[in-house]
Amino acid sequence: MVALLQSYKPTLYYDVVNWKPPEMGWIKCNTDGASKGNPRQSSYGFCIRNHTGQLLYAEAQII
């Protein structure tokens, strides 16, 4: 069993994600969240940026 686990090579999958700014005069809100199951611990987070990418506000909390 140890030899099997030592030789294990998981297949990794990935996607490239690039942030695209909003048009001039607009703001963008990016959000994310996570949960360890229901009814277990969960969390959320978000940030607001302007068209130059300047951070205007951010918040995250465990819910």
PDB file of N, CA and C in Angstrom:
ATOM      1  N   MET A   1       0.831  -1.188   0.000  1.00  0.00           N
ATOM      2  CA  MET A   1       0.000   0.000   0.000  1.00  0.00           C
ATOM      3  C   MET A   1       0.877   1.254   0.000  1.00  0.00           C
ATOM      4  N   VAL A   2       1.955   1.248   0.791  1.00  0.00           N
ATOM      5  CA  VAL A   2       2.847   2.408   0.846  1.00  0.00           C
ATOM      6  C   VAL A   2       3.491   2.656  -0.513  1.00  0.00           C
ATOM      7  N   ALA A   3       3.944   1.613  -1.171  1.00  0.00           N
ATOM      8  CA  ALA A   3       4.560   1.754  -2.496  1.00  0.00           C
ATOM      9  C   ALA A   3       3.553   2.314  -3.499  1.00  0.00           C
ATOM     10  N   LEU A   4       2.319   1.858  -3.432  1.00  0.00           N
ATOM     11  CA  LEU A   4       1.275   2.357  -4.320  1.00  0.00           C
ATOM     12  C   LEU A   4       1.044   3.851  -4.100  1.00  0.00           C
ATOM     13  N   LEU A   5       0.961   4.260  -2.852  1.00  0.00           N
ATOM     14  CA  LEU A   5       0.730   5.678  -2.554  1.00  0.00           C
ATOM     15  C   LEU A   5       1.934   6.547  -2.909  1.00  0.00           C
ATOM     16  N   GLN A   6       3.140   6.026  -2.742  1.00  0.00           N
ATOM     17  CA  GLN A   6       4.333   6.799  -3.083  1.00  0.00           C
ATOM     18  C   GLN A   6       4.466   7.007  -4.588  1.00  0.00           C
ATOM     19  N   SER A   7       3.962   6.092  -5.377  1.00  0.00           N
ATOM     20  CA  SER A   7       4.064   6.222  -6.825  1.00  0.00           C
ATOM     21  C   SER A   7       2.855   6.929  -7.438  1.00  0.00           C
ATOM     22  N   TYR A   8       1.872   7.267  -6.625  1.00  0.00           N
ATOM     23  CA  TYR A   8       0.653   7.914  -7.122  1.00  0.00           C
ATOM     24  C   TYR A   8       0.960   9.318  -7.625  1.00  0.00           C
ATOM     25  N   LYS A   9       0.529   9.636  -8.834  1.00  0.00           N
ATOM     26  CA  LYS A   9       0.704  10.957  -9.441  1.00  0.00           C
ATOM     27  C   LYS A   9      -0.675  11.455  -9.870  1.00  0.00           C
ATOM     28  N   PRO A  10      -1.279  12.373  -9.098  1.00  0.00           N
ATOM     29  CA  PRO A  10      -2.617  12.843  -9.462  1.00  0.00           C
ATOM     30  C   PRO A  10      -2.585  13.686 -10.739  1.00  0.00           C
ATOM     31  N   THR A  11      -3.665  13.676 -11.467  1.00  0.00           N
ATOM     32  CA  THR A  11      -3.801  14.512 -12.647  1.00  0.00           C
ATOM     33  C   THR A  11      -4.317  15.874 -12.200  1.00  0.00           C
ATOM     34  N   LEU A  12      -3.598  16.920 -12.554  1.00  0.00           N
ATOM     35  CA  LEU A  12      -3.986  18.270 -12.159  1.00  0.00           C
ATOM     36  C   LEU A  12      -4.673  18.971 -13.323  1.00  0.00           C
ATOM     37  N   TYR A  13      -5.753  19.652 -13.024  1.00  0.00           N
ATOM     38  CA  TYR A  13      -6.480  20.443 -14.004  1.00  0.00           C
ATOM     39  C   TYR A  13      -6.439  21.896 -13.556  1.00  0.00           C
ATOM     40  N   TYR A  14      -6.290  22.805 -14.496  1.00  0.00           N
ATOM     41  CA  TYR A  14      -6.248  24.215 -14.126  1.00  0.00           C
ATOM     42  C   TYR A  14      -6.809  25.071 -15.247  1.00  0.00           C
ATOM     43  N   ASP A  15      -7.263  26.244 -14.886  1.00  0.00           N
ATOM     44  CA  ASP A  15      -7.736  27.252 -15.832  1.00  0.00           C
ATOM     45  C   ASP A  15      -7.047  28.562 -15.508  1.00  0.00           C
ATOM     46  N   VAL A  16      -6.588  29.258 -16.512  1.00  0.00           N
ATOM     47  CA  VAL A  16      -5.996  30.576 -16.322  1.00  0.00           C
ATOM     48  C   VAL A  16      -7.145  31.574 -16.196  1.00  0.00           C
ATOM     49  N   VAL A  17      -7.099  32.389 -15.148  1.00  0.00           N
ATOM     50  CA  VAL A  17      -8.138  33.388 -14.912  1.00  0.00           C
ATOM     51  C   VAL A  17      -7.486  34.760 -14.894  1.00  0.00           C
ATOM     52  N   ASN A  18      -7.955  35.640 -15.751  1.00  0.00           N
ATOM     53  CA  ASN A  18      -7.446  37.006 -15.810  1.00  0.00           C
ATOM     54  C   ASN A  18      -8.569  37.972 -15.460  1.00  0.00           C
ATOM     55  N   TRP A  19      -8.253  38.918 -14.585  1.00  0.00           N
ATOM     56  CA  TRP A  19      -9.224  39.930 -14.214  1.00  0.00           C
ATOM     57  C   TRP A  19      -9.295  40.974 -15.314  1.00  0.00           C
ATOM     58  N   LYS A  20     -10.506  41.287 -15.761  1.00  0.00           N
ATOM     59  CA  LYS A  20     -10.696  42.303 -16.778  1.00  0.00           C
ATOM     60  C   LYS A  20     -11.384  43.500 -16.137  1.00  0.00           C
ATOM     61  N   PRO A  21     -10.788  44.673 -16.241  1.00  0.00           N
ATOM     62  CA  PRO A  21     -11.386  45.847 -15.615  1.00  0.00           C
ATOM     63  C   PRO A  21     -12.693  46.252 -16.299  1.00  0.00           C
ATOM     64  N   PRO A  22     -13.576  46.917 -15.555  1.00  0.00           N
ATOM     65  CA  PRO A  22     -14.810  47.413 -16.174  1.00  0.00           C
ATOM     66  C   PRO A  22     -14.513  48.639 -17.047  1.00  0.00           C
ATOM     67  N   GLU A  23     -15.500  49.054 -17.793  1.00  0.00           N
ATOM     68  CA  GLU A  23     -15.351  50.259 -18.608  1.00  0.00           C
ATOM     69  C   GLU A  23     -15.166  51.483 -17.716  1.00  0.00           C
ATOM     70  N   MET A  24     -14.561  52.518 -18.271  1.00  0.00           N
ATOM     71  CA  MET A  24     -14.316  53.744 -17.518  1.00  0.00           C
ATOM     72  C   MET A  24     -15.628  54.272 -16.938  1.00  0.00           C
ATOM     73  N   GLY A  25     -15.590  54.665 -15.676  1.00  0.00           N
ATOM     74  CA  GLY A  25     -16.771  55.180 -14.995  1.00  0.00           C
ATOM     75  C   GLY A  25     -17.591  54.112 -14.284  1.00  0.00           C
ATOM     76  N   TRP A  26     -17.247  52.843 -14.467  1.00  0.00           N
ATOM     77  CA  TRP A  26     -17.955  51.738 -13.834  1.00  0.00           C
ATOM     78  C   TRP A  26     -17.082  51.114 -12.745  1.00  0.00           C
ATOM     79  N   ILE A  27     -17.699  50.320 -11.889  1.00  0.00           N
ATOM     80  CA  ILE A  27     -16.970  49.533 -10.896  1.00  0.00           C
ATOM     81  C   ILE A  27     -17.319  48.063 -11.105  1.00  0.00           C
ATOM     82  N   LYS A  28     -16.486  47.197 -10.551  1.00  0.00           N
ATOM     83  CA  LYS A  28     -16.728  45.754 -10.670  1.00  0.00           C
ATOM     84  C   LYS A  28     -16.643  45.128  -9.288  1.00  0.00           C
ATOM     85  N   CYS A  29     -17.567  44.218  -9.010  1.00  0.00           N
ATOM     86  CA  CYS A  29     -17.588  43.488  -7.744  1.00  0.00           C
ATOM     87  C   CYS A  29     -17.310  42.022  -8.047  1.00  0.00           C
ATOM     88  N   ASN A  30     -16.198  41.506  -7.519  1.00  0.00           N
ATOM     89  CA  ASN A  30     -15.861  40.088  -7.661  1.00  0.00           C
ATOM     90  C   ASN A  30     -16.177  39.395  -6.343  1.00  0.00           C
ATOM     91  N   THR A  31     -16.818  38.236  -6.423  1.00  0.00           N
ATOM     92  CA  THR A  31     -17.254  37.511  -5.233  1.00  0.00           C
ATOM     93  C   THR A  31     -16.736  36.079  -5.241  1.00  0.00           C
ATOM     94  N   ASP A  32     -16.698  35.486  -4.064  1.00  0.00           N
ATOM     95  CA  ASP A  32     -16.361  34.080  -3.942  1.00  0.00           C
ATOM     96  C   ASP A  32     -16.899  33.578  -2.614  1.00  0.00           C
ATOM     97  N   GLY A  33     -17.047  32.293  -2.501  1.00  0.00           N
ATOM     98  CA  GLY A  33     -17.523  31.697  -1.266  1.00  0.00           C
ATOM     99  C   GLY A  33     -17.051  30.261  -1.167  1.00  0.00           C
ATOM    100  N   ALA A  34     -17.170  29.718   0.023  1.00  0.00           N
ATOM    101  CA  ALA A  34     -16.755  28.338   0.245  1.00  0.00           C
ATOM    102  C   ALA A  34     -17.612  27.737   1.361  1.00  0.00           C
ATOM    103  N   SER A  35     -17.784  26.430   1.297  1.00  0.00           N
ATOM    104  CA  SER A  35     -18.559  25.730   2.312  1.00  0.00           C
ATOM    105  C   SER A  35     -17.954  24.356   2.537  1.00  0.00           C
ATOM    106  N   LYS A  36     -17.881  23.951   3.802  1.00  0.00           N
ATOM    107  CA  LYS A  36     -17.381  22.618   4.138  1.00  0.00           C
ATOM    108  C   LYS A  36     -18.518  21.618   4.203  1.00  0.00           C
ATOM    109  N   GLY A  37     -19.678  22.000   3.736  1.00  0.00           N
ATOM    110  CA  GLY A  37     -20.844  21.123   3.763  1.00  0.00           C
ATOM    111  C   GLY A  37     -22.015  21.837   4.395  1.00  0.00           C
ATOM    112  N   ASN A  38     -23.138  21.155   4.421  1.00  0.00           N
ATOM    113  CA  ASN A  38     -24.335  21.759   4.995  1.00  0.00           C
ATOM    114  C   ASN A  38     -24.786  20.905   6.154  1.00  0.00           C
ATOM    115  N   PRO A  39     -24.828  21.400   7.346  1.00  0.00           N
ATOM    116  CA  PRO A  39     -24.808  22.776   7.825  1.00  0.00           C
ATOM    117  C   PRO A  39     -23.468  23.198   8.434  1.00  0.00           C
ATOM    118  N   ARG A  40     -22.375  22.880   7.850  1.00  0.00           N
ATOM    119  CA  ARG A  40     -21.079  23.237   8.437  1.00  0.00           C
ATOM    120  C   ARG A  40     -20.679  24.672   8.121  1.00  0.00           C
ATOM    121  N   GLN A  41     -19.440  24.994   8.527  1.00  0.00           N
ATOM    122  CA  GLN A  41     -18.917  26.340   8.386  1.00  0.00           C
ATOM    123  C   GLN A  41     -18.817  26.782   6.917  1.00  0.00           C
ATOM    124  N   SER A  42     -19.191  28.031   6.654  1.00  0.00           N
ATOM    125  CA  SER A  42     -19.119  28.618   5.324  1.00  0.00           C
ATOM    126  C   SER A  42     -18.516  30.011   5.415  1.00  0.00           C
ATOM    127  N   SER A  43     -18.083  30.537   4.287  1.00  0.00           N
ATOM    128  CA  SER A  43     -17.530  31.890   4.268  1.00  0.00           C
ATOM    129  C   SER A  43     -17.781  32.530   2.911  1.00  0.00           C
ATOM    130  N   TYR A  44     -17.665  33.856   2.888  1.00  0.00           N
ATOM    131  CA  TYR A  44     -17.793  34.587   1.642  1.00  0.00           C
ATOM    132  C   TYR A  44     -16.770  35.710   1.626  1.00  0.00           C
ATOM    133  N   GLY A  45     -16.533  36.229   0.452  1.00  0.00           N
ATOM    134  CA  GLY A  45     -15.653  37.379   0.317  1.00  0.00           C
ATOM    135  C   GLY A  45     -15.971  38.110  -0.970  1.00  0.00           C
ATOM    136  N   PHE A  46     -15.728  39.403  -0.979  1.00  0.00           N
ATOM    137  CA  PHE A  46     -15.902  40.165  -2.201  1.00  0.00           C
ATOM    138  C   PHE A  46     -14.988  41.377  -2.190  1.00  0.00           C
ATOM    139  N   CYS A  47     -14.701  41.900  -3.371  1.00  0.00           N
ATOM    140  CA  CYS A  47     -13.947  43.137  -3.489  1.00  0.00           C
ATOM    141  C   CYS A  47     -14.536  43.970  -4.612  1.00  0.00           C
ATOM    142  N   ILE A  48     -14.439  45.276  -4.456  1.00  0.00           N
ATOM    143  CA  ILE A  48     -14.951  46.220  -5.442  1.00  0.00           C
ATOM    144  C   ILE A  48     -13.778  47.040  -5.945  1.00  0.00           C
ATOM    145  N   ARG A  49     -13.622  47.089  -7.269  1.00  0.00           N
ATOM    146  CA  ARG A  49     -12.528  47.836  -7.899  1.00  0.00           C
ATOM    147  C   ARG A  49     -13.084  48.747  -8.990  1.00  0.00           C
ATOM    148  N   ASN A  50     -12.358  49.846  -9.226  1.00  0.00           N
ATOM    149  CA  ASN A  50     -12.768  50.753 -10.297  1.00  0.00           C
ATOM    150  C   ASN A  50     -12.118  50.359 -11.610  1.00  0.00           C
ATOM    151  N   HIS A  51     -12.290  51.176 -12.639  1.00  0.00           N
ATOM    152  CA  HIS A  51     -11.793  50.827 -13.971  1.00  0.00           C
ATOM    153  C   HIS A  51     -10.267  50.805 -14.079  1.00  0.00           C
ATOM    154  N   THR A  52      -9.556  51.393 -13.090  1.00  0.00           N
ATOM    155  CA  THR A  52      -8.091  51.336 -13.099  1.00  0.00           C
ATOM    156  C   THR A  52      -7.560  50.160 -12.287  1.00  0.00           C
ATOM    157  N   GLY A  53      -8.470  49.419 -11.635  1.00  0.00           N
ATOM    158  CA  GLY A  53      -8.067  48.291 -10.804  1.00  0.00           C
ATOM    159  C   GLY A  53      -7.834  48.661  -9.353  1.00  0.00           C
ATOM    160  N   GLN A  54      -8.053  49.939  -9.001  1.00  0.00           N
ATOM    161  CA  GLN A  54      -7.858  50.389  -7.620  1.00  0.00           C
ATOM    162  C   GLN A  54      -8.919  49.758  -6.728  1.00  0.00           C
ATOM    163  N   LEU A  55      -8.475  49.173  -5.604  1.00  0.00           N
ATOM    164  CA  LEU A  55      -9.385  48.551  -4.655  1.00  0.00           C
ATOM    165  C   LEU A  55     -10.163  49.629  -3.915  1.00  0.00           C
ATOM    166  N   LEU A  56     -11.486  49.579  -3.990  1.00  0.00           N
ATOM    167  CA  LEU A  56     -12.342  50.542  -3.308  1.00  0.00           C
ATOM    168  C   LEU A  56     -12.865  50.001  -1.989  1.00  0.00           C
ATOM    169  N   TYR A  57     -13.155  48.695  -1.952  1.00  0.00           N
ATOM    170  CA  TYR A  57     -13.697  48.081  -0.738  1.00  0.00           C
ATOM    171  C   TYR A  57     -13.548  46.576  -0.847  1.00  0.00           C
ATOM    172  N   ALA A  58     -13.327  45.926   0.287  1.00  0.00           N
ATOM    173  CA  ALA A  58     -13.250  44.465   0.338  1.00  0.00           C
ATOM    174  C   ALA A  58     -13.806  43.996   1.674  1.00  0.00           C
ATOM    175  N   GLU A  59     -14.401  42.822   1.654  1.00  0.00           N
ATOM    176  CA  GLU A  59     -14.962  42.257   2.881  1.00  0.00           C
ATOM    177  C   GLU A  59     -14.959  40.739   2.769  1.00  0.00           C
ATOM    178  N   ALA A  60     -14.753  40.074   3.898  1.00  0.00           N
ATOM    179  CA  ALA A  60     -14.847  38.617   3.974  1.00  0.00           C
ATOM    180  C   ALA A  60     -15.322  38.261   5.362  1.00  0.00           C
ATOM    181  N   GLN A  61     -16.086  37.192   5.456  1.00  0.00           N
ATOM    182  CA  GLN A  61     -16.622  36.805   6.757  1.00  0.00           C
ATOM    183  C   GLN A  61     -16.983  35.327   6.778  1.00  0.00           C
ATOM    184  N   ILE A  62     -16.852  34.735   7.934  1.00  0.00           N
ATOM    185  CA  ILE A  62     -17.336  33.371   8.168  1.00  0.00           C
ATOM    186  C   ILE A  62     -18.809  33.474   8.521  1.00  0.00           C
ATOM    187  N   ILE A  63     -19.628  32.648   7.898  1.00  0.00           N
ATOM    188  CA  ILE A  63     -21.074  32.706   8.179  1.00  0.00           C
ATOM    189  C   ILE A  63     -21.576  31.357   8.639  1.00  0.00           C
TER     190      ILE A  63
END
